Amino acid sequence: MFFKSRKFRALIFALILPLFFVTGCSSGSQQSNSNKITLNFFNQKPEISTQYQKLARMYTKKHPNVSIQITTSGQGGGAAALQAKFASGEAPDIIMLGGLPEIDRYKEHLVSLKGLSATKTILPSLLSGGISNNRLVGLPVDLEAYGWSYNKTVFARAGVNASNIHNYDDFVKAVKKIDVQKEKLGLSGVFGFNGADTNSIASVSAQFTSQAYDNNQVKAFKSTNFPWKYGSQMHSYYDLIRNYSVQPILSVKYDPSVQDLFYNGKVAMIPQGNWIIPTLDGIEKGFVQKNLGMIPFFVKNDGSDRLLTGSSWYLGVTNDHPKREKAAKDFINWMFTSREAENVIINEMRFVPATKNFDVSRLPDDLSKDIYRIGSSKDARAPIHKQYPNGFSTQVLGPYIQRYFVHDISWNQLEKVITTKYRQLREIQSGE
């Protein structure tokens, strides 16, 4: 009886013991899962989605308690998709925002980034683009230059030396010199202006509106007036574009202007910045170093003109999920301060970093090095077109400039409409 009893007890113990271990492992697994944090990162630049995914993998490999999900929506649909996220109660933890109007829309959701170690690395000239209600809530994604991108090979074949272009008159002479050789050079036009794209029209306008606000982004954002201080220069440049660009001008789209017209040497210039670098070197490795140069718009025309340098996009952290806030800040800190993240940013994204005291020799092409030197200098000038009222570029400025290009509206009529609609949009959006 004792044997049977002991045997019975052993049998029961043998049955219970595995259950004990299973229960224990399950409990530990639940605890481990409860400590894991999933960050949601909303990205509005589709062209660098792959690189952000790589950065996320690199980070989570070193921080296994963190998972990063990246949602990408851009090319005109990003703003609406981001609004839908907030409206559905699925606010991301990290969001990419374009300009102070968009930052202002989410200001109640954004936390201050003033105390981050990443913040201390940012170029001072770029900080104002991430300020809302005197709080720094956004850090610039990169440093961009705005001006004329020119094809060095076309310039050389036309006998034009970019270093000899010092003012607007020199620029016009160069344009005309290239134009008379169009057939010999096999050009479709001097310019490959993508008139179908209202964003490009807006970025060109920044050449003339930025200096009127002393390149102060907060000042521009608060103003209810569209500045016409350099309106005559703006008029002259748009006329030059209309007369010497590939026709019909409104049929030219962004991708073909870069990947076909510019890359294949069918045009001499396009009004774009260093964001075209990844596309060009993606088509042909080394093309940028060999063939891409930039010259400024000549607005003041007094020898002080230089490429505008700033950032179109800023990263912010939301307060909607307090338990994930620290992890979101830690990831941003890592992206801005670690050497391994920086290597991806400069060599794969081909960004010029928005950080100060950067070793410029690490940049892979001479144009990027020049842009960093200009953008990090005390004379850096930021573009303000991202501070226009929401919808102004796509619904007002772009469409009316397009009408001007096809002689459907006079410049005086255009000025009146733009002045009125700019004020109306600003007043509505400021709640005044």
Protein backbone atom coordinates (compact mmCIF):
# COMPACT_ATOMS: atom_id res chain seq x y z
CA MET A 1 0.00 0.00 0.00
CA PHE A 2 2.83 2.28 0.87
CA PHE A 3 4.54 1.43 -2.44
CA LYS A 4 1.39 2.11 -4.34
CA SER A 5 0.93 5.35 -2.52
CA ARG A 6 4.51 6.42 -3.15
CA LYS A 7 4.18 5.39 -6.81
CA PHE A 8 0.97 7.34 -7.08
CA ARG A 9 2.56 10.41 -5.56
CA ALA A 10 5.49 10.15 -7.96
CA LEU A 11 3.09 9.89 -10.87
CA ILE A 12 1.19 12.96 -9.74
CA PHE A 13 4.46 14.85 -9.25
CA ALA A 14 5.62 13.84 -12.72
CA LEU A 15 2.39 15.20 -14.18
CA ILE A 16 2.44 18.44 -12.21
CA LEU A 17 6.14 19.31 -12.68
CA PRO A 18 5.93 20.05 -16.44
CA LEU A 19 2.87 22.19 -15.81
CA PHE A 20 4.83 24.16 -13.23
CA PHE A 21 7.61 24.89 -15.71
CA VAL A 22 5.22 25.76 -18.49
CA THR A 23 3.39 28.15 -16.20
CA GLY A 24 6.67 29.68 -15.04
CA CYS A 25 7.93 30.22 -18.60
CA SER A 26 4.61 31.67 -19.65
CA SER A 27 4.70 34.11 -16.77
CA GLY A 28 8.27 35.18 -17.67
CA SER A 29 7.32 35.54 -21.34
CA GLN A 30 4.37 37.73 -20.48
CA GLN A 31 6.58 39.89 -18.32
CA SER A 32 9.16 40.15 -21.12
CA ASN A 33 6.46 41.10 -23.64
CA SER A 34 5.01 43.66 -21.28
CA ASN A 35 8.40 45.40 -21.15
CA LYS A 36 8.71 45.54 -24.94
CA ILE A 37 7.86 48.86 -26.54
CA THR A 38 6.62 49.30 -30.10
CA LEU A 39 7.27 52.76 -31.54
CA ASN A 40 5.23 54.03 -34.48
CA PHE A 41 7.18 56.34 -36.79
CA PHE A 42 5.27 58.31 -39.46
CA ASN A 43 7.52 59.21 -42.41
CA GLN A 44 6.52 61.62 -45.21
CA LYS A 45 9.53 61.01 -47.48
CA PRO A 46 8.94 57.80 -49.49
CA GLU A 47 12.34 58.04 -51.16
CA ILE A 48 14.12 57.28 -47.87
CA SER A 49 11.71 54.73 -46.45
CA THR A 50 14.14 51.86 -47.09
CA GLN A 51 16.94 53.65 -45.26
CA TYR A 52 14.70 54.43 -42.28
CA GLN A 53 13.80 50.74 -42.15
CA LYS A 54 17.50 49.93 -42.04
CA LEU A 55 18.09 52.42 -39.22
CA ALA A 56 15.20 50.86 -37.30
CA ARG A 57 16.72 47.37 -37.69
CA MET A 58 20.13 48.61 -36.59
CA TYR A 59 18.66 50.25 -33.50
CA THR A 60 16.41 47.38 -32.43
CA LYS A 61 19.28 44.92 -32.80
CA LYS A 62 21.04 46.80 -30.01
CA HIS A 63 17.81 47.51 -28.14
CA PRO A 64 15.80 44.25 -28.31
CA ASN A 65 13.13 45.63 -26.00
CA VAL A 66 12.16 48.16 -28.69
CA SER A 67 10.31 47.49 -31.93
CA ILE A 68 9.91 50.26 -34.55
CA GLN A 69 7.11 50.26 -37.10
CA ILE A 70 7.52 52.78 -39.92
CA THR A 71 4.51 54.04 -41.85
CA THR A 72 5.33 56.00 -45.01
CA SER A 73 2.96 58.25 -46.90
CA GLY A 74 4.11 61.13 -49.06
CA GLN A 75 4.03 62.67 -52.54
CA GLY A 76 1.12 64.91 -51.62
CA GLY A 77 -0.81 62.46 -49.47
CA GLY A 78 1.27 62.54 -46.32
CA ALA A 79 -0.50 65.37 -44.53
CA ALA A 80 -3.95 63.83 -45.02
CA ALA A 81 -2.73 60.39 -43.96
CA LEU A 82 -1.20 61.84 -40.80
CA GLN A 83 -4.44 63.64 -39.94
CA ALA A 84 -6.30 60.38 -40.40
CA LYS A 85 -3.94 58.70 -37.94
CA PHE A 86 -4.71 61.25 -35.24
CA ALA A 87 -8.45 61.24 -36.02
CA SER A 88 -8.58 57.45 -35.59
CA GLY A 89 -6.83 57.60 -32.22
CA GLU A 90 -3.67 56.00 -33.61
CA ALA A 91 -1.29 58.92 -33.16
CA PRO A 92 2.30 57.95 -34.07
CA ASP A 93 5.07 58.33 -31.50
CA ILE A 94 7.47 60.01 -33.94
CA ILE A 95 6.16 62.17 -36.76
CA MET A 96 7.77 63.91 -39.69
CA LEU A 97 6.30 67.37 -40.21
CA GLY A 98 6.72 69.85 -43.06
CA GLY A 99 6.94 73.45 -41.92
CA LEU A 100 5.57 75.49 -39.05
CA PRO A 101 1.92 75.43 -40.26
CA GLU A 102 1.92 71.63 -39.96
CA ILE A 103 3.82 71.76 -36.67
CA ASP A 104 1.29 74.28 -35.39
CA ARG A 105 -1.56 71.91 -36.28
CA TYR A 106 -0.17 69.28 -33.90
CA LYS A 107 1.38 71.58 -31.30
CA GLU A 108 -0.81 70.23 -28.48
CA HIS A 109 0.48 66.73 -29.23
CA LEU A 110 4.19 67.58 -29.44
CA VAL A 111 6.62 67.45 -26.54
CA SER A 112 9.57 69.79 -26.03
CA LEU A 113 12.86 68.49 -27.39
CA LYS A 114 14.98 71.20 -25.82
CA GLY A 115 16.71 68.88 -23.35
CA LEU A 116 17.75 66.20 -25.83
CA SER A 117 21.45 65.60 -26.46
CA ALA A 118 20.54 65.53 -30.17
CA THR A 119 19.24 69.10 -29.92
CA LYS A 120 22.66 70.35 -28.87
CA THR A 121 24.12 69.09 -32.15
CA ILE A 122 21.73 70.98 -34.48
CA LEU A 123 22.94 73.88 -36.62
CA PRO A 124 21.57 77.07 -34.98
CA SER A 125 20.22 78.41 -38.29
CA LEU A 126 17.85 75.43 -38.53
CA LEU A 127 16.32 75.47 -35.05
CA SER A 128 13.67 78.14 -35.72
CA GLY A 129 11.94 75.83 -38.20
CA GLY A 130 10.93 73.55 -35.34
CA ILE A 131 9.63 76.13 -32.85
CA SER A 132 5.97 76.44 -31.83
CA ASN A 133 4.78 78.75 -29.04
CA ASN A 134 8.41 79.37 -28.06
CA ARG A 135 8.95 75.61 -27.60
CA LEU A 136 11.37 73.57 -29.68
CA VAL A 137 9.24 70.63 -30.80
CA GLY A 138 10.93 69.57 -34.06
CA LEU A 139 14.48 68.65 -35.15
CA PRO A 140 15.51 69.09 -38.82
CA VAL A 141 15.87 65.92 -40.86
CA ASP A 142 18.73 67.28 -42.99
CA LEU A 143 20.26 70.35 -44.61
CA GLU A 144 18.99 71.20 -48.10
CA ALA A 145 20.12 73.77 -50.63
CA TYR A 146 17.75 75.61 -52.97
CA GLY A 147 18.96 77.10 -56.25
CA TRP A 148 19.72 76.13 -59.85
CA SER A 149 21.13 72.65 -60.41
CA TYR A 150 23.19 72.70 -63.58
CA ASN A 151 24.69 69.96 -65.74
CA LYS A 152 28.46 70.58 -65.84
CA THR A 153 28.88 68.72 -69.13
CA VAL A 154 26.24 70.82 -70.90
CA PHE A 155 27.78 74.03 -69.52
CA ALA A 156 31.24 72.96 -70.70
CA ARG A 157 30.02 72.07 -74.20
CA ALA A 158 28.23 75.44 -74.39
CA GLY A 159 31.36 77.31 -73.28
CA VAL A 160 29.74 78.59 -70.06
CA ASN A 161 31.79 78.80 -66.86
CA ALA A 162 29.52 78.81 -63.81
CA SER A 163 32.19 80.50 -61.69
CA ASN A 164 31.89 83.58 -63.91
CA ILE A 165 28.19 84.05 -63.18
CA HIS A 166 28.06 86.68 -60.43
CA ASN A 167 24.73 88.47 -60.95
CA TYR A 168 21.42 88.35 -62.78
CA ASP A 169 22.81 89.91 -65.98
CA ASP A 170 25.55 87.27 -66.11
CA PHE A 171 22.93 84.58 -65.60
CA VAL A 172 20.74 85.87 -68.47
CA LYS A 173 23.78 86.04 -70.76
CA ALA A 174 24.58 82.41 -69.93
CA VAL A 175 20.98 81.37 -70.62
CA LYS A 176 20.96 83.09 -74.00
CA LYS A 177 24.38 81.68 -74.92
CA ILE A 178 23.13 78.17 -74.26
CA ASP A 179 19.83 78.82 -76.04
CA VAL A 180 21.42 79.82 -79.36
CA GLN A 181 23.33 76.52 -79.30
CA LYS A 182 20.29 74.40 -78.43
CA GLU A 183 20.22 72.46 -81.70
CA LYS A 184 23.96 71.82 -81.73
CA LEU A 185 23.89 70.71 -78.10
CA GLY A 186 20.81 68.53 -78.61
CA LEU A 187 18.82 70.37 -75.94
CA SER A 188 15.04 70.39 -75.55
CA GLY A 189 15.36 73.67 -73.66
CA VAL A 190 17.76 75.60 -71.45
CA PHE A 191 15.58 74.83 -68.42
CA GLY A 192 13.70 71.67 -67.57
CA PHE A 193 11.20 73.36 -65.29
CA ASN A 194 8.55 70.93 -64.06
CA GLY A 195 5.59 73.25 -64.42
CA ALA A 196 3.17 70.44 -63.53
CA ASP A 197 4.47 70.44 -59.95
CA THR A 198 3.18 73.16 -57.63
CA ASN A 199 5.81 72.26 -55.02
CA SER A 200 8.62 73.28 -57.35
CA ILE A 201 6.84 76.54 -58.13
CA ALA A 202 6.64 77.21 -54.39
CA SER A 203 10.32 76.46 -53.76
CA VAL A 204 11.32 78.86 -56.54
CA SER A 205 9.12 81.55 -54.98
CA ALA A 206 11.10 81.14 -51.73
CA GLN A 207 14.06 82.73 -53.46
CA PHE A 208 12.14 86.02 -53.46
CA THR A 209 10.03 85.81 -50.31
CA SER A 210 12.65 84.56 -47.84
CA GLN A 211 14.88 87.60 -47.78
CA ALA A 212 11.89 89.89 -47.38
CA TYR A 213 11.44 88.21 -43.97
CA ASP A 214 15.19 88.27 -43.25
CA ASN A 215 15.06 84.48 -43.71
CA ASN A 216 13.29 84.27 -40.36
CA GLN A 217 10.90 81.32 -40.48
CA VAL A 218 8.89 82.24 -37.37
CA LYS A 219 8.48 85.81 -38.63
CA ALA A 220 7.28 84.50 -41.98
CA PHE A 221 4.85 82.08 -40.35
CA LYS A 222 3.24 84.83 -38.27
CA SER A 223 2.88 87.30 -41.14
CA THR A 224 -0.48 87.77 -42.83
CA ASN A 225 1.07 89.39 -45.90
CA PHE A 226 2.67 87.79 -48.92
CA PRO A 227 5.90 89.80 -49.40
CA TRP A 228 6.41 91.54 -52.73
CA LYS A 229 9.65 93.33 -51.79
CA TYR A 230 11.48 91.38 -54.49
CA GLY A 231 8.43 90.95 -56.70
CA SER A 232 10.08 92.45 -59.76
CA GLN A 233 12.94 89.94 -59.54
CA MET A 234 10.42 87.13 -59.10
CA HIS A 235 8.56 88.36 -62.19
CA SER A 236 11.79 88.44 -64.22
CA TYR A 237 12.81 84.93 -63.28
CA TYR A 238 9.41 83.41 -63.99
CA ASP A 239 9.45 85.14 -67.39
CA LEU A 240 12.89 83.72 -68.07
CA ILE A 241 11.67 80.25 -67.13
CA ARG A 242 8.57 80.63 -69.29
CA ASN A 243 10.62 81.69 -72.32
CA TYR A 244 13.51 79.23 -72.13
CA SER A 245 12.05 76.06 -70.62
CA VAL A 246 10.99 72.82 -72.27
CA GLN A 247 7.52 73.22 -73.78
CA PRO A 248 4.70 72.75 -73.08
CA ILE A 249 5.86 73.80 -69.65
CA LEU A 250 2.82 72.52 -67.76
CA SER A 251 3.32 69.01 -69.11
CA VAL A 252 6.76 68.59 -67.51
CA LYS A 253 6.61 66.51 -64.31
CA TYR A 254 9.19 66.21 -61.56
CA ASP A 255 10.56 62.69 -62.16
CA PRO A 256 11.06 63.11 -65.94
CA SER A 257 12.65 66.53 -65.41
CA VAL A 258 15.34 64.93 -63.24
CA GLN A 259 15.68 61.40 -64.58
CA ASP A 260 15.30 62.11 -68.30
CA LEU A 261 15.85 65.76 -69.15
CA PHE A 262 18.60 66.62 -66.68
CA TYR A 263 20.39 63.28 -66.42
CA ASN A 264 20.48 62.78 -70.20
CA GLY A 265 21.75 66.30 -70.85
CA LYS A 266 18.62 67.44 -72.66
CA VAL A 267 18.51 70.60 -70.53
CA ALA A 268 21.21 72.69 -68.90
CA MET A 269 19.43 73.55 -65.62
CA ILE A 270 16.55 72.68 -63.32
CA PRO A 271 15.52 74.68 -60.23
CA GLN A 272 16.10 71.86 -57.73
CA GLY A 273 18.39 71.19 -54.79
CA ASN A 274 20.55 68.42 -53.40
CA TRP A 275 17.50 66.18 -52.84
CA ILE A 276 18.02 65.04 -56.45
CA ILE A 277 21.43 63.54 -55.56
CA PRO A 278 20.21 60.03 -54.59
CA THR A 279 18.17 59.76 -57.80
CA LEU A 280 21.04 60.81 -60.07
CA ASP A 281 23.68 58.64 -58.43
CA GLY A 282 21.14 55.82 -58.32
CA ILE A 283 20.96 55.96 -62.13
CA GLU A 284 24.72 56.27 -62.58
CA LYS A 285 27.20 55.97 -59.75
CA GLY A 286 29.49 58.99 -59.67
CA PHE A 287 27.23 61.16 -61.84
CA VAL A 288 26.81 63.76 -59.10
CA GLN A 289 30.53 64.24 -58.49
CA LYS A 290 31.20 64.50 -62.21
CA ASN A 291 28.19 66.42 -63.49
CA LEU A 292 26.13 68.21 -60.83
CA GLY A 293 26.73 71.79 -59.75
CA MET A 294 24.56 74.51 -58.18
CA ILE A 295 24.34 78.27 -58.53
CA PRO A 296 22.09 80.66 -56.62
CA PHE A 297 19.24 82.84 -57.76
CA PHE A 298 20.40 86.46 -57.92
CA VAL A 299 17.80 88.40 -55.95
CA LYS A 300 19.58 91.22 -54.17
CA ASN A 301 22.04 91.24 -57.07
CA ASP A 302 24.69 92.96 -54.96
CA GLY A 303 27.22 90.17 -54.64
CA SER A 304 25.69 88.80 -51.44
CA ASP A 305 23.42 86.18 -53.06
CA ARG A 306 24.06 82.58 -52.09
CA LEU A 307 22.22 79.28 -52.10
CA LEU A 308 19.32 79.17 -49.67
CA THR A 309 19.91 76.42 -47.12
CA GLY A 310 17.37 74.98 -44.71
CA SER A 311 15.29 71.93 -43.91
CA SER A 312 11.87 71.07 -45.29
CA TRP A 313 11.12 68.35 -42.74
CA TYR A 314 11.29 68.13 -38.96
CA LEU A 315 10.92 65.18 -36.57
CA GLY A 316 8.71 65.52 -33.52
CA VAL A 317 7.70 63.28 -30.61
CA THR A 318 4.06 63.08 -29.51
CA ASN A 319 2.66 62.97 -25.98
CA ASP A 320 -0.21 60.63 -26.88
CA HIS A 321 1.54 57.55 -25.48
CA PRO A 322 3.52 58.67 -22.39
CA LYS A 323 4.99 55.21 -21.76
CA ARG A 324 6.65 55.30 -25.19
CA GLU A 325 7.87 58.91 -25.06
CA LYS A 326 11.32 58.17 -23.59
CA ALA A 327 11.96 55.36 -26.09
CA ALA A 328 11.01 57.68 -28.97
CA LYS A 329 13.43 60.34 -27.72
CA ASP A 330 16.17 57.76 -27.29
CA PHE A 331 15.77 56.63 -30.91
CA ILE A 332 15.94 60.22 -32.18
CA ASN A 333 19.02 60.84 -30.04
CA TRP A 334 20.67 57.79 -31.58
CA MET A 335 19.85 58.88 -35.15
CA PHE A 336 21.40 62.31 -34.61
CA THR A 337 24.41 61.41 -32.49
CA SER A 338 25.66 57.91 -33.38
CA ARG A 339 28.35 57.36 -35.98
CA GLU A 340 26.64 54.27 -37.41
CA ALA A 341 23.35 56.09 -38.01
CA GLU A 342 25.21 59.02 -39.50
CA ASN A 343 26.95 56.71 -41.97
CA VAL A 344 23.58 55.56 -43.32
CA ILE A 345 22.27 59.13 -43.44
CA ILE A 346 25.18 60.58 -45.43
CA ASN A 347 26.16 57.59 -47.58
CA GLU A 348 22.81 55.93 -48.31
CA MET A 349 20.23 58.68 -47.86
CA ARG A 350 22.86 61.08 -49.26
CA PHE A 351 21.71 63.76 -46.86
CA VAL A 352 23.83 66.69 -45.78
CA PRO A 353 23.59 66.45 -41.98
CA ALA A 354 21.81 69.16 -39.99
CA THR A 355 24.38 68.92 -37.22
CA LYS A 356 27.19 71.32 -36.32
CA ASN A 357 30.90 70.52 -36.05
CA PHE A 358 30.52 67.82 -38.69
CA ASP A 359 33.63 66.53 -40.46
CA VAL A 360 32.84 67.72 -43.98
CA SER A 361 35.44 65.40 -45.51
CA ARG A 362 33.14 62.46 -44.77
CA LEU A 363 30.56 63.65 -47.33
CA PRO A 364 30.76 61.62 -50.56
CA ASP A 365 30.66 64.47 -53.12
CA ASP A 366 31.99 68.01 -53.47
CA LEU A 367 28.56 69.62 -53.90
CA SER A 368 27.38 68.25 -50.55
CA LYS A 369 30.55 69.60 -48.95
CA ASP A 370 29.89 73.05 -50.41
CA ILE A 371 26.28 72.97 -49.19
CA TYR A 372 27.40 72.10 -45.66
CA ARG A 373 29.93 74.94 -45.63
CA ILE A 374 27.29 77.42 -46.79
CA GLY A 375 24.55 76.10 -44.51
CA SER A 376 26.76 76.01 -41.42
CA SER A 377 28.19 79.50 -41.89
CA LYS A 378 27.02 82.59 -40.01
CA ASP A 379 25.72 83.95 -43.33
CA ALA A 380 23.37 81.00 -43.95
CA ARG A 381 19.97 82.00 -45.34
CA ALA A 382 16.92 79.81 -44.83
CA PRO A 383 14.00 79.45 -47.27
CA ILE A 384 10.55 80.24 -45.83
CA HIS A 385 8.17 78.65 -48.35
CA LYS A 386 7.30 75.83 -45.95
CA GLN A 387 5.82 78.50 -43.67
CA TYR A 388 3.18 79.58 -46.19
CA PRO A 389 -0.40 78.92 -44.98
CA ASN A 390 -1.63 75.36 -45.41
CA GLY A 391 -2.88 74.85 -48.96
CA PHE A 392 -1.42 78.11 -50.29
CA SER A 393 1.27 76.51 -52.46
CA THR A 394 -0.94 73.83 -53.98
CA GLN A 395 -4.24 75.71 -54.24
CA VAL A 396 -3.19 79.31 -54.88
CA LEU A 397 0.43 80.07 -55.75
CA GLY A 398 1.06 77.02 -57.92
CA PRO A 399 -2.14 77.14 -59.97
CA TYR A 400 -1.91 80.91 -60.59
CA ILE A 401 1.75 80.76 -61.63
CA GLN A 402 0.75 77.93 -63.97
CA ARG A 403 -1.92 80.19 -65.44
CA TYR A 404 0.71 82.92 -65.86
CA PHE A 405 3.00 80.48 -67.68
CA VAL A 406 0.32 79.89 -70.33
CA HIS A 407 -0.61 83.59 -70.62
CA ASP A 408 -3.99 83.07 -68.96
CA ILE A 409 -3.46 85.82 -66.38
CA SER A 410 -1.37 88.98 -66.18
CA TRP A 411 1.31 89.50 -63.52
CA ASN A 412 -0.69 92.37 -61.97
CA GLN A 413 -3.76 90.15 -61.70
CA LEU A 414 -1.63 87.39 -60.20
CA GLU A 415 -0.23 89.72 -57.54
CA LYS A 416 -3.69 90.87 -56.48
CA VAL A 417 -5.09 87.34 -56.20
CA ILE A 418 -2.08 86.00 -54.31
CA THR A 419 -2.07 88.94 -51.87
CA THR A 420 -5.76 88.50 -51.05
CA LYS A 421 -5.81 84.73 -50.76
CA TYR A 422 -2.63 84.59 -48.70
CA ARG A 423 -4.12 86.95 -46.12
CA GLN A 424 -7.41 85.06 -46.06
CA LEU A 425 -5.79 81.68 -45.51
CA ARG A 426 -3.47 82.98 -42.82
CA GLU A 427 -6.29 84.69 -40.91
CA ILE A 428 -8.52 81.63 -41.10
CA GLN A 429 -5.77 79.29 -39.94
CA SER A 430 -4.59 81.56 -37.13
CA GLY A 431 -8.16 81.86 -35.86
CA GLU A 432 -8.17 85.65 -36.08
